[in-house]
Protein backbone atom coordinates (compact mmCIF):
# COMPACT_ATOMS: atom_id res chain seq x y z
CA MET A 1 -31.98 -28.26 64.51
CA PRO A 2 -31.14 -25.49 67.04
CA PHE A 3 -31.74 -25.85 70.78
CA SER A 4 -34.41 -23.14 70.66
CA PHE A 5 -36.64 -25.59 68.78
CA TRP A 6 -37.33 -27.48 72.05
CA ILE A 7 -36.01 -25.44 74.98
CA SER A 8 -37.12 -21.88 75.59
CA LEU A 9 -34.02 -19.66 75.45
CA VAL A 10 -34.03 -15.91 75.99
CA GLY A 11 -31.53 -13.12 75.31
CA GLN A 12 -27.94 -14.33 75.06
CA GLN A 13 -28.75 -17.83 76.38
CA TYR A 14 -28.53 -19.27 72.88
CA SER A 15 -25.06 -17.79 72.50
CA TRP A 16 -23.99 -19.27 75.82
CA THR A 17 -25.16 -22.78 74.89
CA SER A 18 -22.55 -22.55 72.13
CA SER A 19 -19.84 -20.87 74.19
CA ILE A 20 -20.08 -23.25 77.17
CA PHE A 21 -19.07 -26.13 74.89
CA TYR A 22 -15.78 -24.36 74.19
CA ILE A 23 -15.25 -23.46 77.84
CA GLY A 24 -15.29 -27.19 78.59
CA TYR A 25 -13.02 -27.76 75.59
CA LEU A 26 -10.63 -25.03 76.72
CA VAL A 27 -10.37 -26.24 80.32
CA ALA A 28 -9.74 -29.83 79.21
CA SER A 29 -7.33 -29.18 76.31
CA TYR A 30 -4.06 -29.25 78.26
CA PRO A 31 -4.92 -32.14 80.64
CA ILE A 32 -6.21 -34.12 77.69
CA SER A 33 -2.97 -33.48 75.75
CA LEU A 34 -0.96 -35.07 78.59
CA GLY A 35 -2.85 -38.28 77.96
CA PHE A 36 -1.50 -38.45 74.41
CA VAL A 37 1.95 -39.05 75.90
CA ARG A 38 0.95 -41.10 78.96
CA PHE A 39 -1.53 -43.60 77.46
CA PRO A 40 -1.84 -45.81 74.34
CA LEU A 41 -3.22 -43.35 71.79
CA GLY A 42 -5.82 -45.56 70.10
CA LYS A 43 -7.29 -46.86 73.37
CA TYR A 44 -7.23 -43.40 74.94
CA LEU A 45 -9.14 -41.84 72.05
CA SER A 46 -11.65 -44.71 71.99
CA VAL A 47 -12.55 -44.23 75.67
CA LEU A 48 -13.06 -40.50 75.14
CA ILE A 49 -15.18 -41.13 72.03
CA PHE A 50 -17.31 -43.52 74.11
CA LEU A 51 -17.81 -40.87 76.81
CA TRP A 52 -18.63 -38.26 74.16
CA GLY A 53 -21.31 -40.56 72.75
CA VAL A 54 -22.80 -41.13 76.21
CA VAL A 55 -23.02 -37.38 76.87
CA LEU A 56 -24.57 -36.75 73.45
CA THR A 57 -27.18 -39.43 74.15
CA LEU A 58 -28.02 -37.79 77.49
CA HIS A 59 -29.02 -34.62 75.61
CA ALA A 60 -32.27 -36.48 74.93
CA VAL A 61 -33.29 -36.06 78.58
CA THR A 62 -32.55 -32.33 78.92
CA THR A 63 -35.54 -30.32 80.06
CA ASN A 64 -34.11 -26.90 80.91
CA TYR A 65 -31.31 -24.45 80.26
CA GLY A 66 -29.21 -25.58 83.25
CA SER A 67 -29.07 -29.27 82.30
CA LEU A 68 -28.34 -28.34 78.69
CA MET A 69 -25.41 -26.14 79.74
CA ALA A 70 -23.94 -28.91 81.90
CA LEU A 71 -24.09 -31.47 79.09
CA ARG A 72 -22.70 -29.02 76.53
CA ALA A 73 -19.71 -28.35 78.80
CA LEU A 74 -19.04 -32.10 79.21
CA LEU A 75 -19.37 -32.58 75.46
CA GLY A 76 -16.61 -30.01 74.99
CA VAL A 77 -14.38 -31.75 77.53
CA PHE A 78 -14.47 -35.08 75.70
CA GLU A 79 -14.32 -33.59 72.21
CA SER A 80 -11.10 -31.76 73.07
CA ALA A 81 -9.17 -34.97 72.35
CA ILE A 82 -10.54 -35.74 68.90
CA SER A 83 -8.90 -33.36 66.41
CA PRO A 84 -5.47 -33.13 68.11
CA GLY A 85 -5.49 -36.91 68.59
CA PHE A 86 -6.37 -37.54 64.96
CA SER A 87 -3.67 -35.09 63.90
CA LEU A 88 -1.04 -36.95 65.95
CA ILE A 89 -2.16 -40.23 64.36
CA THR A 90 -1.82 -38.65 60.92
CA GLY A 91 1.71 -37.50 61.75
CA MET A 92 2.68 -41.01 62.93
CA TRP A 93 1.55 -42.74 59.75
CA TYR A 94 2.15 -40.28 56.91
CA THR A 95 4.93 -38.13 55.47
CA PRO A 96 4.69 -34.31 55.44
CA ARG A 97 3.73 -34.32 51.77
CA GLU A 98 0.75 -36.56 52.60
CA HIS A 99 -0.43 -34.65 55.67
CA VAL A 100 -2.79 -32.22 53.97
CA SER A 101 -4.75 -34.89 52.07
CA ARG A 102 -5.00 -37.17 55.12
CA HIS A 103 -6.07 -34.36 57.43
CA SER A 104 -8.67 -33.32 54.87
CA ILE A 105 -10.06 -36.85 54.59
CA TRP A 106 -10.96 -37.15 58.26
CA PHE A 107 -11.96 -33.49 58.54
CA ALA A 108 -14.39 -33.97 55.63
CA GLY A 109 -16.45 -36.04 58.05
CA ASN A 110 -17.72 -32.73 59.47
CA ALA A 111 -19.21 -31.77 56.11
CA ILE A 112 -20.64 -35.23 55.51
CA ALA A 113 -22.18 -35.16 58.99
CA GLY A 114 -23.70 -31.77 58.17
CA ILE A 115 -25.31 -33.11 55.01
CA VAL A 116 -26.62 -36.27 56.68
CA GLY A 117 -27.67 -34.51 59.89
CA SER A 118 -29.53 -31.71 58.09
CA SER A 119 -31.28 -34.21 55.84
CA ILE A 120 -32.43 -36.27 58.83
CA ALA A 121 -33.49 -33.11 60.70
CA TYR A 122 -35.56 -31.98 57.71
CA GLY A 123 -37.26 -35.37 57.55
CA LEU A 124 -37.96 -35.32 61.29
CA LEU A 125 -39.66 -31.93 61.02
CA LYS A 126 -42.38 -33.71 59.07
CA TYR A 127 -42.60 -36.53 61.63
CA GLU A 128 -45.87 -36.32 63.59
CA GLY A 129 -45.44 -39.17 66.10
CA SER A 130 -45.70 -38.77 69.87
CA PHE A 131 -41.96 -39.20 70.53
CA PRO A 132 -40.21 -35.78 70.30
CA GLN A 133 -38.24 -35.21 67.09
CA TRP A 134 -35.18 -33.77 68.81
CA LYS A 135 -34.86 -36.77 71.13
CA ILE A 136 -34.67 -39.07 68.12
CA LEU A 137 -31.71 -37.07 66.77
CA PHE A 138 -29.70 -37.27 69.98
CA LEU A 139 -30.47 -40.93 70.62
CA LEU A 140 -29.60 -41.88 67.05
CA PHE A 141 -26.25 -40.09 66.82
CA GLY A 142 -25.28 -40.66 70.44
CA LEU A 143 -25.80 -44.43 70.37
CA MET A 144 -24.10 -44.69 66.96
CA THR A 145 -21.04 -42.98 68.47
CA VAL A 146 -21.02 -45.33 71.47
CA ALA A 147 -21.13 -48.34 69.14
CA TRP A 148 -18.35 -46.94 66.95
CA SER A 149 -16.11 -46.33 69.98
CA VAL A 150 -16.17 -50.07 70.70
CA VAL A 151 -14.95 -50.74 67.15
CA THR A 152 -12.11 -48.21 67.44
CA PHE A 153 -11.06 -49.59 70.85
CA PHE A 154 -10.29 -52.99 69.34
CA TYR A 155 -9.16 -52.01 65.83
CA LEU A 156 -7.52 -48.55 66.00
CA PRO A 157 -3.77 -49.14 66.55
CA ASP A 158 -1.89 -47.00 69.04
CA SER A 159 0.99 -46.59 66.57
CA PRO A 160 2.33 -48.29 63.41
CA GLN A 161 4.33 -50.66 65.65
CA THR A 162 1.12 -52.06 67.21
CA ALA A 163 -0.93 -52.39 64.01
CA LYS A 164 -2.21 -55.98 64.02
CA PHE A 165 -3.19 -55.82 60.34
CA LEU A 166 0.49 -55.39 59.34
CA SER A 167 3.31 -57.91 59.40
CA PRO A 168 6.34 -57.16 61.64
CA ALA A 169 8.34 -55.95 58.62
CA GLU A 170 5.45 -53.75 57.44
CA ARG A 171 5.10 -52.22 60.91
CA GLU A 172 8.76 -51.25 60.96
CA TRP A 173 8.54 -49.81 57.45
CA ALA A 174 5.37 -47.85 58.32
CA ALA A 175 7.04 -46.34 61.39
CA LEU A 176 10.28 -45.47 59.58
CA ARG A 177 8.59 -43.80 56.61
CA PRO A 178 7.53 -40.56 58.40
CA TYR A 179 10.57 -40.75 60.72
CA LYS A 180 12.90 -40.33 57.73
CA TYR A 181 11.47 -36.85 57.25
CA GLN A 182 10.89 -35.57 60.79
CA LYS A 183 12.96 -37.67 63.24
CA THR A 184 9.91 -37.87 65.53
CA ILE A 185 8.84 -40.99 67.41
CA GLN A 186 6.06 -41.58 69.92
CA THR A 187 7.41 -41.56 73.47
CA LYS A 188 5.86 -42.41 76.83
CA SER A 189 7.56 -39.59 78.73
CA TRP A 190 7.08 -35.83 78.73
CA ASP A 191 10.22 -34.03 77.51
CA ARG A 192 10.63 -30.80 79.49
CA HIS A 193 13.19 -29.38 77.05
CA GLN A 194 10.88 -29.90 74.09
CA PHE A 195 8.05 -28.28 76.04
CA ILE A 196 10.16 -25.19 76.80
CA GLU A 197 11.36 -25.04 73.19
CA SER A 198 7.78 -25.09 71.94
CA LEU A 199 6.89 -22.08 74.13
CA ALA A 200 9.93 -20.17 72.83
CA ASP A 201 9.14 -20.92 69.18
CA ILE A 202 7.48 -18.08 67.23
CA LYS A 203 5.60 -20.66 65.15
CA THR A 204 3.74 -21.85 68.25
CA TRP A 205 2.37 -18.37 68.88
CA TRP A 206 1.51 -17.87 65.22
CA PHE A 207 -0.55 -21.07 65.33
CA LEU A 208 -2.25 -19.90 68.54
CA LEU A 209 -3.22 -16.49 67.14
CA PHE A 210 -4.18 -17.89 63.74
CA SER A 211 -6.39 -20.53 65.34
CA PHE A 212 -8.10 -17.89 67.47
CA VAL A 213 -8.72 -15.45 64.62
CA ILE A 214 -10.19 -18.04 62.24
CA CYS A 215 -12.37 -19.56 64.96
CA VAL A 216 -14.07 -16.34 66.05
CA PRO A 217 -16.10 -16.31 62.79
CA ASN A 218 -16.47 -20.09 62.89
CA GLY A 219 -17.94 -20.10 66.40
CA GLY A 220 -20.62 -17.64 65.38
CA THR A 221 -21.55 -18.86 61.91
CA THR A 222 -21.62 -22.51 62.98
CA SER A 223 -23.79 -21.92 66.03
CA PHE A 224 -26.06 -19.36 64.39
CA SER A 225 -26.25 -20.78 60.86
CA THR A 226 -29.90 -21.77 61.23
CA LEU A 227 -30.89 -18.40 62.70
CA ILE A 228 -28.87 -16.52 60.06
CA ILE A 229 -30.64 -18.32 57.22
CA LYS A 230 -34.01 -17.92 58.92
CA GLY A 231 -33.26 -14.20 59.20
CA PHE A 232 -33.01 -13.96 55.41
CA GLY A 233 -36.78 -14.60 55.32
CA TYR A 234 -37.27 -18.39 55.29
CA ASP A 235 -39.61 -20.48 57.45
CA LYS A 236 -38.28 -23.35 59.59
CA PHE A 237 -38.75 -25.98 56.86
CA GLN A 238 -37.06 -23.81 54.22
CA THR A 239 -34.31 -22.90 56.70
CA ILE A 240 -33.25 -26.53 57.15
CA LEU A 241 -33.49 -27.15 53.40
CA MET A 242 -31.55 -23.99 52.47
CA GLY A 243 -28.82 -25.01 54.91
CA LEU A 244 -28.07 -28.23 53.01
CA PRO A 245 -25.90 -26.67 50.26
CA ALA A 246 -23.53 -25.16 52.87
CA PRO A 247 -22.01 -28.49 54.05
CA ALA A 248 -22.04 -29.71 50.44
CA PHE A 249 -20.02 -26.65 49.40
CA GLN A 250 -17.82 -27.20 52.46
CA LEU A 251 -17.11 -30.78 51.39
CA THR A 252 -16.30 -29.61 47.85
CA THR A 253 -13.83 -26.97 49.04
CA VAL A 254 -12.14 -29.42 51.43
CA ILE A 255 -11.61 -31.92 48.59
CA LEU A 256 -10.45 -29.29 46.07
CA SER A 257 -8.12 -27.67 48.59
CA ALA A 258 -6.56 -31.04 49.45
CA LEU A 259 -6.07 -31.85 45.77
CA LEU A 260 -4.49 -28.47 45.00
CA SER A 261 -2.21 -28.57 48.05
CA SER A 262 -1.11 -32.13 47.26
CA THR A 263 -0.60 -31.50 43.55
CA PHE A 264 1.17 -28.13 43.58
CA ARG A 265 4.30 -27.65 45.65
CA LYS A 266 4.55 -24.82 48.19
CA SER A 267 0.84 -24.12 47.85
CA ARG A 268 -0.72 -24.69 51.29
CA LEU A 269 -0.40 -21.10 52.49
CA ILE A 270 -1.38 -19.73 49.08
CA ASN A 271 -4.51 -21.87 49.20
CA LEU A 272 -5.32 -20.42 52.62
CA VAL A 273 -5.22 -16.89 51.21
CA LEU A 274 -7.54 -17.85 48.34
CA LEU A 275 -10.02 -19.52 50.71
CA PHE A 276 -10.22 -16.47 52.95
CA LEU A 277 -10.66 -14.14 49.98
CA ILE A 278 -13.68 -16.19 48.86
CA ALA A 279 -15.12 -16.21 52.39
CA LEU A 280 -14.49 -12.47 52.74
CA ALA A 281 -16.47 -11.84 49.55
CA GLY A 282 -19.27 -14.03 50.92
CA ILE A 283 -19.61 -12.28 54.29
CA LEU A 284 -19.54 -8.88 52.57
CA MET A 285 -22.51 -10.03 50.46
CA VAL A 286 -24.39 -11.03 53.62
CA LYS A 287 -23.52 -7.77 55.38
CA LEU A 288 -23.97 -5.22 52.59
CA LEU A 289 -26.74 -6.53 50.34
CA PRO A 290 -30.29 -5.31 51.14
CA GLN A 291 -32.72 -7.65 52.91
CA SER A 292 -34.76 -7.95 49.72
CA GLU A 293 -31.83 -9.84 48.11
CA LYS A 294 -32.34 -12.93 50.24
CA ILE A 295 -31.15 -15.41 47.59
CA SER A 296 -27.93 -13.46 47.01
CA ARG A 297 -27.35 -13.13 50.75
CA LEU A 298 -27.94 -16.87 51.13
CA ALA A 299 -25.39 -17.54 48.36
CA GLY A 300 -22.95 -15.28 50.21
CA PHE A 301 -23.45 -17.31 53.37
CA TRP A 302 -22.69 -20.49 51.45
CA LEU A 303 -19.46 -18.87 50.21
CA VAL A 304 -18.41 -18.23 53.82
CA THR A 305 -18.04 -22.00 54.23
CA ALA A 306 -15.09 -21.81 51.80
CA VAL A 307 -12.92 -21.32 54.90
CA SER A 308 -13.73 -24.87 56.06
CA PRO A 309 -10.47 -26.34 54.66
CA ALA A 310 -8.49 -23.74 56.62
CA PHE A 311 -8.54 -25.81 59.78
CA PRO A 312 -7.23 -29.08 58.28
CA LEU A 313 -4.69 -27.03 56.31
CA MET A 314 -3.52 -25.43 59.57
CA LEU A 315 -3.30 -28.82 61.28
CA SER A 316 -1.33 -30.21 58.35
CA LEU A 317 1.06 -27.24 58.55
CA ALA A 318 1.59 -27.91 62.25
CA ALA A 319 2.06 -31.65 61.70
CA SER A 320 4.54 -30.99 58.87
CA ASN A 321 6.47 -28.08 60.41
CA ILE A 322 6.72 -29.10 64.07
CA ALA A 323 8.91 -32.08 65.03
CA GLY A 324 9.48 -33.81 68.35
CA PHE A 325 6.61 -35.75 69.95
CA THR A 326 6.29 -33.63 73.10
CA LYS A 327 6.75 -30.41 71.14
CA LYS A 328 4.16 -31.45 68.57
CA SER A 329 1.71 -32.48 71.32
CA THR A 330 2.22 -29.12 73.01
CA VAL A 331 1.69 -27.13 69.82
CA MET A 332 -1.45 -29.12 69.06
CA ALA A 333 -2.73 -28.27 72.55
CA VAL A 334 -1.91 -24.59 71.97
CA ILE A 335 -3.74 -24.64 68.64
CA PHE A 336 -6.82 -25.97 70.34
CA LEU A 337 -6.58 -23.37 73.08
CA GLY A 338 -6.90 -20.78 70.32
CA TYR A 339 -9.64 -22.86 68.72
CA CYS A 340 -11.61 -22.87 71.97
CA ALA A 341 -11.08 -19.21 72.75
CA GLY A 342 -12.15 -18.17 69.25
CA ASN A 343 -15.20 -20.40 69.14
CA LEU A 344 -16.12 -19.30 72.67
CA ALA A 345 -15.93 -15.61 71.74
CA GLY A 346 -17.58 -15.90 68.32
CA PRO A 347 -21.21 -16.45 69.39
CA GLN A 348 -21.05 -13.47 71.77
CA PHE A 349 -20.80 -11.09 68.80
CA PHE A 350 -24.24 -12.29 67.68
CA ILE A 351 -26.27 -9.92 69.83
CA ALA A 352 -29.91 -10.98 70.20
CA SER A 353 -31.22 -7.41 69.89
CA GLU A 354 -29.57 -7.07 66.45
CA ALA A 355 -31.40 -10.07 64.96
CA PRO A 356 -31.88 -10.87 62.14
CA ASN A 357 -29.01 -8.83 60.65
CA TYR A 358 -26.33 -9.14 63.38
CA HIS A 359 -24.29 -6.13 62.23
CA THR A 360 -21.70 -6.44 65.01
CA ALA A 361 -21.05 -10.09 64.20
CA TYR A 362 -20.71 -9.53 60.45
CA THR A 363 -18.29 -6.62 60.96
CA THR A 364 -16.20 -8.76 63.33
CA ILE A 365 -16.03 -11.56 60.76
CA VAL A 366 -14.85 -9.14 58.04
CA VAL A 367 -12.07 -7.86 60.32
CA CYS A 368 -11.00 -11.40 61.29
CA TYR A 369 -10.75 -12.55 57.67
CA ALA A 370 -8.69 -9.48 56.74
CA ILE A 371 -6.28 -10.08 59.66
CA THR A 372 -5.99 -13.75 58.72
CA ILE A 373 -4.97 -12.99 55.15
CA GLY A 374 -2.17 -10.73 56.40
CA MET A 375 -1.02 -13.37 58.91
CA VAL A 376 -0.80 -16.09 56.28
CA ILE A 377 1.23 -13.93 53.89
CA GLY A 378 3.61 -12.96 56.70
CA PHE A 379 4.02 -16.58 57.85
CA ARG A 380 4.91 -17.71 54.34
CA PHE A 381 7.66 -15.10 54.13
CA TYR A 382 8.98 -16.17 57.55
CA LEU A 383 9.15 -19.89 56.70
CA SER A 384 10.79 -19.13 53.34
CA TRP A 385 13.39 -16.99 55.12
CA GLU A 386 14.07 -19.72 57.71
CA ASN A 387 14.54 -22.36 54.98
CA ALA A 388 16.96 -20.09 53.12
CA ARG A 389 18.87 -19.40 56.36
CA ARG A 390 19.29 -23.13 57.05
CA ASP A 391 20.36 -23.79 53.46
CA LYS A 392 23.06 -21.13 53.81
CA GLU A 393 24.10 -22.44 57.24
CA GLN A 394 24.61 -25.98 55.93
CA GLY A 395 25.81 -25.06 52.46
CA VAL A 396 23.21 -27.29 50.83
CA LYS A 397 19.74 -26.65 49.42
CA ILE A 398 17.19 -29.12 50.82
CA ASP A 399 13.73 -29.44 49.29
CA PRO A 400 11.16 -30.31 52.00
CA GLU A 401 8.61 -31.33 49.38
CA GLU A 402 10.72 -33.52 47.14
CA THR A 403 8.66 -36.04 45.20
CA ARG A 404 11.28 -38.77 44.92
CA ARG A 405 10.86 -41.78 47.20
CA VAL A 406 13.15 -41.89 50.21
CA GLU A 407 14.96 -45.18 50.64
CA ILE A 408 14.00 -46.88 53.89
CA ASN A 409 16.32 -49.41 55.46
CA THR A 410 14.46 -51.65 57.89
CA ASP A 411 17.56 -53.57 58.95
CA GLY A 412 18.49 -53.19 62.60
CA ASP A 413 16.63 -51.67 65.51
CA MET A 414 14.11 -48.87 65.31
CA PRO A 415 15.70 -45.45 65.93
CA GLN A 416 15.10 -43.99 69.39
CA VAL A 417 16.10 -40.36 68.76
CA ASP A 418 13.19 -37.92 69.02
CA GLN A 419 14.39 -34.61 67.56
CA THR A 420 12.60 -31.29 67.27
CA ASP A 421 12.58 -29.13 64.14
CA LYS A 422 15.11 -26.84 65.88
CA GLN A 423 17.50 -29.65 66.85
CA ASN A 424 17.41 -31.26 63.41
CA ARG A 425 19.19 -28.67 61.27
CA SER A 426 18.37 -30.61 58.11
CA PHE A 427 14.69 -29.96 58.76
CA ARG A 428 13.00 -27.68 56.23
CA PHE A 429 9.54 -26.14 56.48
CA ILE A 430 6.55 -26.86 54.26
CA LEU A 431 4.95 -23.84 52.60
């Protein structure tokens, strides 16, 4: 249910209600990332989830454009911790081979929320009570988030070593399992050398650019999805209803992509290319088909959501291919800088005077998808070359995606060495 349903927005104001969220996200990304190192991770995330829920609830009292912009900016500030924090948790608990499926599981919550949220919004459109429909939405989801943050505060462990539901031996085993592959442990201090190394690493800048390029289309299509569908020729009831298959298709592609990437070795980057080819076909249908073909254009818009697994795949690639806790935290922050910048820019290509066809936006999306496909292919060649170079350097071929179980010895103290992927010459990159 877009903001224009209850607040009068003119010109590019609708675009700015989307962009201001990512300005808040962008400004907060680096300071928030410092907290991952300084504070207990589970407690830190829980407090930020609580604050996010409070801000979402306060949307129910917005009455004008100014108050809406302020709350949207604060929402971005507190949300800036969620995905990078969840990705760090995934890296602490799971091996590189498991990263893509685990990232996809929690990322699938976006699609499930889209299905549930759209269904509730459609039902509320038929509600004729005196209490405004949009206030019900914000109160419902905001207060649910606040309640859930209390649960996570007491039950989400800060690391495997603090998991109360595990025995001491199980905690040590859980912590050692991913360490055997990446030599990364959670630390409470910021490592300046790892920070500098991350800025000098070409992979960091690839992740930054890739995140930006994929999020320019995402920022626009996510914020304007309702207006895009309405522009095909549907009324407001049909618009909400016709939007339901998009998150369902998104959920399907996330699951299938996770299964394929987990089943077939060296397939994550190949899957990314396939996803962007499908999305490229979809946006070309939206852009090039005549307005009379509204069903076909709608189907094309659904196909655009095929790129949804790209973000968890990218996060899994970063979690698997970057080692060292400070370095990984820095790269995650950089990724979300690109995420913010792309999502901030995306809505601005949807020019109000071009409605309902948004030619500038659709052309921009086509260009971004084409660039992304080239970037992914180039990155795969680079990682393959780096693996081959390290094999030659050490005189041994190491498979980073071996399926055999690694023996874990829990005797003795936990290791305290936190190595980066550059320092650990036995490290090999996941494709």
